[in-house]
């Protein structure tokens, strides 16, 4: 597993107990099959679909991973993630 794969797994694990763990694990498992981008996209899709609240740091990490994967930052799932950010005090 390379560094980017590890980052995707860590990103996914941030949402344990906020997102259905079976759905989350299925998405993370794509990494083990060489489908890193699919794993990341699926995690983001699930976060958006189930409207899981995220914090600014998690959003920033998603954007960083998006850039590392050379994905389009205007992807609908990523755009929706921004709407899920909750303010932290």
Protein backbone atom coordinates (compact mmCIF):
# COMPACT_ATOMS: atom_id res chain seq x y z
CA UNK A 1 0.00 0.00 0.00
CA UNK A 2 1.47 3.35 -1.01
CA UNK A 3 1.25 6.65 0.87
CA UNK A 4 -1.79 7.90 -1.05
CA UNK A 5 -3.61 4.63 -0.38
CA UNK A 6 -2.91 5.04 3.34
CA UNK A 7 -4.22 8.61 3.25
CA UNK A 8 -7.47 7.47 1.63
CA UNK A 9 -7.93 4.73 4.26
CA UNK A 10 -7.25 7.24 7.05
CA UNK A 11 -9.68 9.70 5.46
CA UNK A 12 -12.38 7.03 5.34
CA UNK A 13 -11.75 6.00 8.92
CA UNK A 14 -12.49 9.56 10.06
CA UNK A 15 -16.16 8.83 9.42
CA UNK A 16 -16.56 5.61 11.38
CA UNK A 17 -19.73 5.80 13.47
CA UNK A 18 -20.93 8.82 11.48
CA UNK A 19 -21.50 6.82 8.31
CA UNK A 20 -22.77 3.25 8.15
CA UNK A 21 -19.64 1.24 8.91
CA UNK A 22 -20.44 -1.47 6.36
CA UNK A 23 -20.85 1.09 3.56
CA UNK A 24 -17.68 2.80 4.69
CA UNK A 25 -15.66 -0.41 4.85
CA UNK A 26 -16.88 -1.47 1.40
CA UNK A 27 -15.63 1.84 0.01
CA UNK A 28 -12.29 1.60 1.82
CA UNK A 29 -11.83 -1.96 0.52
CA UNK A 30 -11.51 -0.59 -3.02
CA UNK A 31 -8.03 0.61 -2.02
CA UNK A 32 -6.93 -3.00 -1.53
CA UNK A 33 -8.01 -3.76 -5.09
CA UNK A 34 -5.97 -0.94 -6.62
CA UNK A 35 -8.99 1.35 -6.94
CA UNK A 36 -7.81 4.28 -4.84
CA UNK A 37 -9.71 6.92 -6.78
CA UNK A 38 -12.90 4.86 -6.70
CA UNK A 39 -12.51 4.42 -2.93
CA UNK A 40 -12.20 8.18 -2.43
CA UNK A 41 -15.10 8.98 -4.78
CA UNK A 42 -17.31 6.42 -3.06
CA UNK A 43 -16.53 7.77 0.41
CA UNK A 44 -17.36 11.30 -0.78
CA UNK A 45 -20.53 10.06 -2.49
CA UNK A 46 -21.69 8.36 0.71
CA UNK A 47 -20.94 11.45 2.80
CA UNK A 48 -22.99 13.54 0.40
CA UNK A 49 -25.82 11.05 -0.03
CA UNK A 50 -26.29 10.55 3.70
CA UNK A 51 -25.57 14.22 4.50
CA UNK A 52 -22.88 13.43 7.05
CA UNK A 53 -21.66 16.60 8.75
CA UNK A 54 -17.94 17.24 8.37
CA UNK A 55 -15.59 19.82 9.79
CA UNK A 56 -13.37 22.25 7.91
CA UNK A 57 -10.25 20.12 8.44
CA UNK A 58 -11.98 17.07 6.93
CA UNK A 59 -13.10 19.14 3.96
CA UNK A 60 -9.59 20.52 3.50
CA UNK A 61 -8.20 16.98 3.59
CA UNK A 62 -10.74 15.92 0.95
CA UNK A 63 -9.58 18.75 -1.32
CA UNK A 64 -5.93 17.82 -0.74
CA UNK A 65 -6.65 14.19 -1.63
CA UNK A 66 -8.62 15.30 -4.67
CA UNK A 67 -5.60 17.26 -5.86
CA UNK A 68 -3.24 14.34 -5.19
CA UNK A 69 -5.55 12.08 -7.20
CA UNK A 70 -5.67 14.74 -9.94
CA UNK A 71 -9.45 14.71 -9.83
CA UNK A 72 -11.78 17.52 -10.80
CA UNK A 73 -12.40 19.70 -7.73
CA UNK A 74 -15.76 20.63 -9.24
CA UNK A 75 -17.01 17.04 -9.02
CA UNK A 76 -20.58 17.09 -7.70
CA UNK A 77 -19.70 15.06 -4.59
CA UNK A 78 -16.89 17.42 -3.62
CA UNK A 79 -19.02 20.48 -4.23
CA UNK A 80 -21.70 19.03 -1.97
CA UNK A 81 -19.14 18.25 0.75
CA UNK A 82 -18.61 21.97 1.19
CA UNK A 83 -22.29 22.31 2.09
CA UNK A 84 -21.85 19.68 4.84
CA UNK A 85 -19.25 21.65 6.80
CA UNK A 86 -20.33 22.43 10.34
CA UNK A 87 -18.86 25.29 12.31
CA UNK A 88 -16.68 24.31 15.22
CA UNK A 89 -16.40 26.47 18.29
